[in-house]
Protein backbone atom coordinates (compact mmCIF):
# COMPACT_ATOMS: atom_id res chain seq x y z
CA UNK A 1 -13.38 141.58 115.35
CA UNK A 2 -12.18 142.36 118.96
CA UNK A 3 -14.36 141.26 121.84
CA UNK A 4 -14.35 142.59 125.22
CA UNK A 5 -13.15 139.78 127.72
CA UNK A 6 -15.13 140.12 131.30
CA UNK A 7 -13.83 137.67 134.31
CA UNK A 8 -16.50 136.75 136.65
CA UNK A 9 -16.08 137.00 140.39
CA UNK A 10 -16.11 133.04 140.56
CA UNK A 11 -13.24 132.78 137.90
CA UNK A 12 -11.30 135.47 139.58
CA UNK A 13 -11.63 133.17 142.91
CA UNK A 14 -10.70 130.09 140.95
CA UNK A 15 -7.45 131.98 139.74
CA UNK A 16 -6.53 133.09 142.95
CA UNK A 17 -7.11 129.72 144.15
CA UNK A 18 -4.72 127.99 141.62
CA UNK A 19 -2.10 130.61 142.55
CA UNK A 20 -2.51 129.86 146.44
CA UNK A 21 -2.38 126.10 145.49
CA UNK A 22 0.91 126.24 143.63
CA UNK A 23 2.48 128.83 145.65
CA UNK A 24 1.70 127.37 149.29
CA UNK A 25 0.69 123.93 148.75
CA UNK A 26 3.51 122.99 146.22
CA UNK A 27 5.64 125.73 147.65
CA UNK A 28 6.70 127.05 144.23
CA UNK A 29 6.03 130.95 144.49
CA UNK A 30 7.80 131.26 140.86
CA UNK A 31 5.92 128.41 139.13
CA UNK A 32 2.69 129.94 140.77
CA UNK A 33 3.26 133.48 139.09
CA UNK A 34 4.29 131.98 135.78
CA UNK A 35 1.17 129.80 135.85
CA UNK A 36 -1.30 132.65 136.43
CA UNK A 37 0.49 134.77 133.62
CA UNK A 38 0.10 131.92 131.19
CA UNK A 39 -3.53 131.83 132.13
CA UNK A 40 -4.24 135.48 132.24
CA UNK A 41 -2.36 135.80 128.67
CA UNK A 42 -4.48 133.03 127.12
CA UNK A 43 -7.73 134.14 128.65
CA UNK A 44 -6.93 137.66 126.91
CA UNK A 45 -6.17 136.43 123.92
CA UNK A 46 -9.94 135.10 123.57
CA UNK A 47 -10.56 138.79 122.51
CA UNK A 48 -9.81 137.60 119.00
CA UNK A 49 -11.87 134.69 117.72
CA UNK A 50 -13.21 133.21 120.77
CA UNK A 51 -15.05 130.61 118.88
CA UNK A 52 -11.91 128.69 118.01
CA UNK A 53 -12.24 126.68 120.76
CA UNK A 54 -14.94 123.88 121.02
CA UNK A 55 -18.05 124.02 122.87
CA UNK A 56 -18.21 121.85 125.99
CA UNK A 57 -19.63 118.73 125.44
CA UNK A 58 -22.23 117.92 128.22
CA UNK A 59 -25.92 119.30 128.22
CA UNK A 60 -27.50 121.80 129.23
CA UNK A 61 -23.95 123.56 128.92
CA UNK A 62 -23.61 122.67 125.10
CA UNK A 63 -26.75 124.23 124.01
CA UNK A 64 -26.30 127.52 126.23
CA UNK A 65 -22.75 127.91 124.26
CA UNK A 66 -20.37 127.17 126.86
CA UNK A 67 -16.93 126.79 125.40
CA UNK A 68 -13.89 125.25 126.81
CA UNK A 69 -10.07 126.26 126.31
CA UNK A 70 -7.35 124.45 127.79
CA UNK A 71 -4.27 125.93 129.25
CA UNK A 72 -1.80 123.82 130.43
CA UNK A 73 -3.60 121.48 132.97
CA UNK A 74 -6.21 123.85 133.29
CA UNK A 75 -9.72 124.63 131.84
CA UNK A 76 -10.92 128.09 131.17
CA UNK A 77 -14.85 127.64 130.65
CA UNK A 78 -16.37 130.58 128.82
CA UNK A 79 -19.59 132.21 126.79
CA UNK A 80 -19.13 134.21 123.72
CA UNK A 81 -21.83 136.86 122.58
CA UNK A 82 -21.11 137.43 119.15
CA UNK A 83 -23.97 140.33 119.29
CA UNK A 84 -22.47 142.10 122.22
CA UNK A 85 -18.75 141.38 121.30
CA UNK A 86 -18.20 139.90 124.57
CA UNK A 87 -16.52 136.78 126.17
CA UNK A 88 -17.66 136.00 129.94
CA UNK A 89 -15.41 133.70 131.73
CA UNK A 90 -17.49 131.53 133.78
CA UNK A 91 -14.98 129.20 135.77
CA UNK A 92 -11.17 128.23 135.62
CA UNK A 93 -10.32 124.92 137.11
CA UNK A 94 -7.90 121.74 136.75
CA UNK A 95 -9.09 119.78 133.92
CA UNK A 96 -9.23 116.72 135.90
CA UNK A 97 -11.71 117.83 138.36
CA UNK A 98 -15.67 117.12 137.72
CA UNK A 99 -16.49 119.97 135.60
CA UNK A 100 -20.10 119.18 135.49
CA UNK A 101 -20.25 119.14 139.28
CA UNK A 102 -18.64 122.39 139.42
CA UNK A 103 -20.82 124.06 136.86
CA UNK A 104 -23.63 122.64 138.67
CA UNK A 105 -22.58 124.33 141.95
CA UNK A 106 -21.98 127.63 139.94
CA UNK A 107 -25.43 127.59 138.63
CA UNK A 108 -27.14 127.09 141.79
CA UNK A 109 -25.21 129.93 143.14
CA UNK A 110 -26.41 132.30 140.52
CA UNK A 111 -30.15 131.17 140.26
């Protein structure tokens, strides 16, 4: 079963921020492009068997079905809807960040 993959506006901003950080803060344009390519490739790979990655461990996100895929040092947080055959990528962030805090901010913006 092939799912459609949707990247939210926030996740798109996250991708751009990752690129900008690597390209301009770390001054490595080549690595920035390669990192974004790897992230996009893995994200599009969620179209096949998106439930193969574990559920996010913290509540309330775990009961809502949030899942997490790790790509290099980045965490891709997404929902998978079996009925709609759709994956929605919510956030993409450095795994060392406080994910709960970032998810809470995201939740407040959409309420």
